[in-house]
Amino acid sequence: MRLFDTTFLIDLVNGDKGAIEKAARVDEEGAFNAISVVTAHEYFRGIFYIYLTDSKLLRLKLKKAEAELARFENLPYTYEIAKRAAEIDAKLAKTGETISLVDVIIAATALHYKLAVVTRDVDHFRRVPGLEIETY
């Protein structure tokens, strides 16, 4: 059971060999695979940022993104996850090991649902105690 972060999605779409191989292995397993709603936000933000001035291409890219994201269960940012994220964020701040708010929310989501985070951004996520991390 896994929670995929934004770097994985971007790498997969960009044809990264490691991400493609990881996706193939995961697909063979048929396990539960999810993303956080903040991953969807980051992914869509990138598309809007790049293609905002070309409405035709923007529509095509958004349609493709919807199809790509449909492969994953989309987990919401809930009150419980917000509370856990706030705790993680405060602890990391106290130790001087801060990470982005988005990564804190992704980590809190994974911990809440007892999922491993799939990422190549191991340096950030390893700062979160108890978080299981898979890379590619």
C-alpha atoms as a PDB file:
ATOM      1  CA  MET A   1       0.000   0.000   0.000  1.00  0.00           C
ATOM      2  CA  ARG A   2       1.574   3.226  -1.187  1.00  0.00           C
ATOM      3  CA  LEU A   3       1.147   6.974  -1.385  1.00  0.00           C
ATOM      4  CA  PHE A   4       2.884   8.484  -4.411  1.00  0.00           C
ATOM      5  CA  ASP A   5       4.311  11.987  -4.196  1.00  0.00           C
ATOM      6  CA  THR A   6       4.426  14.608  -6.918  1.00  0.00           C
ATOM      7  CA  THR A   7       8.017  13.925  -7.953  1.00  0.00           C
ATOM      8  CA  PHE A   8       7.042  10.366  -8.806  1.00  0.00           C
ATOM      9  CA  LEU A   9       4.148  11.511 -11.008  1.00  0.00           C
ATOM     10  CA  ILE A  10       6.314  14.040 -12.810  1.00  0.00           C
ATOM     11  CA  ASP A  11       9.096  11.498 -13.306  1.00  0.00           C
ATOM     12  CA  LEU A  12       6.608   8.933 -14.604  1.00  0.00           C
ATOM     13  CA  VAL A  13       5.111  11.358 -17.128  1.00  0.00           C
ATOM     14  CA  ASN A  14       8.587  12.478 -18.197  1.00  0.00           C
ATOM     15  CA  GLY A  15       9.641   8.892 -18.891  1.00  0.00           C
ATOM     16  CA  ASP A  16      12.098   8.418 -16.010  1.00  0.00           C
ATOM     17  CA  LYS A  17      13.298   4.808 -16.231  1.00  0.00           C
ATOM     18  CA  GLY A  18      13.184   4.229 -12.473  1.00  0.00           C
ATOM     19  CA  ALA A  19       9.656   5.618 -12.148  1.00  0.00           C
ATOM     20  CA  ILE A  20       8.426   3.557 -15.102  1.00  0.00           C
ATOM     21  CA  GLU A  21       9.929   0.376 -13.647  1.00  0.00           C
ATOM     22  CA  LYS A  22       8.463   1.130 -10.212  1.00  0.00           C
ATOM     23  CA  ALA A  23       5.017   1.750 -11.744  1.00  0.00           C
ATOM     24  CA  ALA A  24       5.199  -1.549 -13.647  1.00  0.00           C
ATOM     25  CA  ARG A  25       6.097  -3.482 -10.478  1.00  0.00           C
ATOM     26  CA  VAL A  26       3.341  -1.782  -8.505  1.00  0.00           C
ATOM     27  CA  ASP A  27       0.773  -2.431 -11.254  1.00  0.00           C
ATOM     28  CA  GLU A  28       1.696  -6.134 -11.226  1.00  0.00           C
ATOM     29  CA  GLU A  29       1.067  -6.307  -7.486  1.00  0.00           C
ATOM     30  CA  GLY A  30      -2.408  -4.810  -7.802  1.00  0.00           C
ATOM     31  CA  ALA A  31      -1.985  -3.148  -4.393  1.00  0.00           C
ATOM     32  CA  PHE A  32      -3.746  -0.047  -3.077  1.00  0.00           C
ATOM     33  CA  ASN A  33      -2.135   3.040  -4.637  1.00  0.00           C
ATOM     34  CA  ALA A  34      -3.020   6.584  -3.699  1.00  0.00           C
ATOM     35  CA  ILE A  35      -2.053  10.225  -3.903  1.00  0.00           C
ATOM     36  CA  SER A  36      -2.794  13.050  -1.517  1.00  0.00           C
ATOM     37  CA  VAL A  37      -5.099  15.797  -2.698  1.00  0.00           C
ATOM     38  CA  VAL A  38      -2.102  18.146  -2.317  1.00  0.00           C
ATOM     39  CA  THR A  39      -0.209  16.048  -4.865  1.00  0.00           C
ATOM     40  CA  ALA A  40      -3.086  16.595  -7.284  1.00  0.00           C
ATOM     41  CA  HIS A  41      -2.891  20.319  -6.482  1.00  0.00           C
ATOM     42  CA  GLU A  42       0.846  20.473  -7.191  1.00  0.00           C
ATOM     43  CA  TYR A  43       0.453  18.486 -10.389  1.00  0.00           C
ATOM     44  CA  PHE A  44      -2.385  20.651 -11.723  1.00  0.00           C
ATOM     45  CA  ARG A  45      -0.564  23.827 -10.662  1.00  0.00           C
ATOM     46  CA  GLY A  46       2.412  22.838 -12.800  1.00  0.00           C
ATOM     47  CA  ILE A  47       0.164  22.279 -15.810  1.00  0.00           C
ATOM     48  CA  PHE A  48      -1.622  25.604 -15.349  1.00  0.00           C
ATOM     49  CA  TYR A  49       1.691  27.380 -14.830  1.00  0.00           C
ATOM     50  CA  ILE A  50       3.239  26.000 -18.013  1.00  0.00           C
ATOM     51  CA  TYR A  51       0.209  26.082 -20.338  1.00  0.00           C
ATOM     52  CA  LEU A  52      -1.967  28.912 -18.999  1.00  0.00           C
ATOM     53  CA  THR A  53      -1.438  31.118 -22.051  1.00  0.00           C
ATOM     54  CA  ASP A  54      -2.395  28.384 -24.557  1.00  0.00           C
ATOM     55  CA  SER A  55      -6.009  27.417 -23.840  1.00  0.00           C
ATOM     56  CA  LYS A  56      -6.143  24.620 -26.403  1.00  0.00           C
ATOM     57  CA  LEU A  57      -2.980  22.941 -25.150  1.00  0.00           C
ATOM     58  CA  LEU A  58      -4.046  23.583 -21.547  1.00  0.00           C
ATOM     59  CA  ARG A  59      -7.301  21.686 -22.123  1.00  0.00           C
ATOM     60  CA  LEU A  60      -5.391  18.763 -23.644  1.00  0.00           C
ATOM     61  CA  LYS A  61      -2.851  18.644 -20.808  1.00  0.00           C
ATOM     62  CA  LEU A  62      -5.586  18.844 -18.161  1.00  0.00           C
ATOM     63  CA  LYS A  63      -7.496  16.006 -19.821  1.00  0.00           C
ATOM     64  CA  LYS A  64      -4.340  13.892 -19.895  1.00  0.00           C
ATOM     65  CA  ALA A  65      -3.623  14.729 -16.251  1.00  0.00           C
ATOM     66  CA  GLU A  66      -7.134  13.676 -15.230  1.00  0.00           C
ATOM     67  CA  ALA A  67      -6.578  10.301 -16.904  1.00  0.00           C
ATOM     68  CA  GLU A  68      -3.184   9.879 -15.239  1.00  0.00           C
ATOM     69  CA  LEU A  69      -4.494  10.789 -11.795  1.00  0.00           C
ATOM     70  CA  ALA A  70      -7.506   8.479 -12.160  1.00  0.00           C
ATOM     71  CA  ARG A  71      -5.125   5.532 -11.651  1.00  0.00           C
ATOM     72  CA  PHE A  72      -4.801   6.520  -7.993  1.00  0.00           C
ATOM     73  CA  GLU A  73      -7.134   6.749  -5.045  1.00  0.00           C
ATOM     74  CA  ASN A  74      -7.276  10.442  -4.103  1.00  0.00           C
ATOM     75  CA  LEU A  75      -6.956  10.874  -0.319  1.00  0.00           C
ATOM     76  CA  PRO A  76      -8.373  14.080   1.191  1.00  0.00           C
ATOM     77  CA  TYR A  77      -6.672  16.513   3.537  1.00  0.00           C
ATOM     78  CA  THR A  78      -8.762  15.990   6.649  1.00  0.00           C
ATOM     79  CA  TYR A  79      -8.893  17.537  10.105  1.00  0.00           C
ATOM     80  CA  GLU A  80      -7.006  14.549  11.547  1.00  0.00           C
ATOM     81  CA  ILE A  81      -4.308  14.779   8.888  1.00  0.00           C
ATOM     82  CA  ALA A  82      -4.027  18.549   9.444  1.00  0.00           C
ATOM     83  CA  LYS A  83      -3.450  17.954  13.155  1.00  0.00           C
ATOM     84  CA  ARG A  84      -0.804  15.300  12.461  1.00  0.00           C
ATOM     85  CA  ALA A  85       0.841  17.547   9.862  1.00  0.00           C
ATOM     86  CA  ALA A  86       0.969  20.424  12.350  1.00  0.00           C
ATOM     87  CA  GLU A  87       2.687  18.156  14.884  1.00  0.00           C
ATOM     88  CA  ILE A  88       5.234  16.943  12.316  1.00  0.00           C
ATOM     89  CA  ASP A  89       5.863  20.497  11.101  1.00  0.00           C
ATOM     90  CA  ALA A  90       6.420  21.797  14.644  1.00  0.00           C
ATOM     91  CA  LYS A  91       8.797  18.955  15.540  1.00  0.00           C
ATOM     92  CA  LEU A  92      10.817  19.462  12.368  1.00  0.00           C
ATOM     93  CA  ALA A  93      10.965  23.221  12.963  1.00  0.00           C
ATOM     94  CA  LYS A  94      12.229  22.660  16.518  1.00  0.00           C
ATOM     95  CA  THR A  95      15.097  20.533  15.190  1.00  0.00           C
ATOM     96  CA  GLY A  96      15.880  22.806  12.238  1.00  0.00           C
ATOM     97  CA  GLU A  97      14.947  20.034   9.785  1.00  0.00           C
ATOM     98  CA  THR A  98      12.008  21.715   8.057  1.00  0.00           C
ATOM     99  CA  ILE A  99      10.513  20.500   4.790  1.00  0.00           C
ATOM    100  CA  SER A 100       7.859  22.062   2.581  1.00  0.00           C
ATOM    101  CA  LEU A 101       4.295  22.195   3.866  1.00  0.00           C
ATOM    102  CA  VAL A 102       3.171  20.038   0.946  1.00  0.00           C
ATOM    103  CA  ASP A 103       5.682  17.324   1.902  1.00  0.00           C
ATOM    104  CA  VAL A 104       4.577  17.566   5.546  1.00  0.00           C
ATOM    105  CA  ILE A 105       0.957  17.009   4.474  1.00  0.00           C
ATOM    106  CA  ILE A 106       1.936  14.092   2.230  1.00  0.00           C
ATOM    107  CA  ALA A 107       3.919  12.540   5.101  1.00  0.00           C
ATOM    108  CA  ALA A 108       1.041  13.045   7.553  1.00  0.00           C
ATOM    109  CA  THR A 109      -1.376  11.487   5.061  1.00  0.00           C
ATOM    110  CA  ALA A 110       0.891   8.454   4.653  1.00  0.00           C
ATOM    111  CA  LEU A 111       1.247   8.042   8.411  1.00  0.00           C
ATOM    112  CA  HIS A 112      -2.490   8.454   8.960  1.00  0.00           C
ATOM    113  CA  TYR A 113      -3.338   5.727   6.453  1.00  0.00           C
ATOM    114  CA  LYS A 114      -0.231   3.612   7.226  1.00  0.00           C
ATOM    115  CA  LEU A 115       1.116   3.906   3.676  1.00  0.00           C
ATOM    116  CA  ALA A 116       4.671   4.012   2.351  1.00  0.00           C
ATOM    117  CA  VAL A 117       5.600   7.191   0.453  1.00  0.00           C
ATOM    118  CA  VAL A 118       7.013   6.561  -3.016  1.00  0.00           C
ATOM    119  CA  THR A 119       9.438   9.350  -3.902  1.00  0.00           C
ATOM    120  CA  ARG A 120      12.910  10.137  -5.134  1.00  0.00           C
ATOM    121  CA  ASP A 121      12.986  13.020  -2.625  1.00  0.00           C
ATOM    122  CA  VAL A 122      14.250  10.748   0.152  1.00  0.00           C
ATOM    123  CA  ASP A 123      16.273  13.514   1.871  1.00  0.00           C
ATOM    124  CA  HIS A 124      13.110  15.424   2.812  1.00  0.00           C
ATOM    125  CA  PHE A 125      10.885  12.550   3.786  1.00  0.00           C
ATOM    126  CA  ARG A 126      13.517  10.706   5.853  1.00  0.00           C
ATOM    127  CA  ARG A 127      13.278  13.565   8.367  1.00  0.00           C
ATOM    128  CA  VAL A 128       9.793  12.405   9.367  1.00  0.00           C
ATOM    129  CA  PRO A 129      10.044   9.770  12.129  1.00  0.00           C
ATOM    130  CA  GLY A 130       8.169   6.537  11.510  1.00  0.00           C
ATOM    131  CA  LEU A 131       7.541   7.239   7.829  1.00  0.00           C
ATOM    132  CA  GLU A 132       8.099   4.315   5.472  1.00  0.00           C
ATOM    133  CA  ILE A 133       9.778   5.421   2.240  1.00  0.00           C
ATOM    134  CA  GLU A 134      10.199   3.647  -1.082  1.00  0.00           C
ATOM    135  CA  THR A 135      12.316   5.071  -3.848  1.00  0.00           C
ATOM    136  CA  TYR A 136      13.079   4.151  -7.436  1.00  0.00           C
END
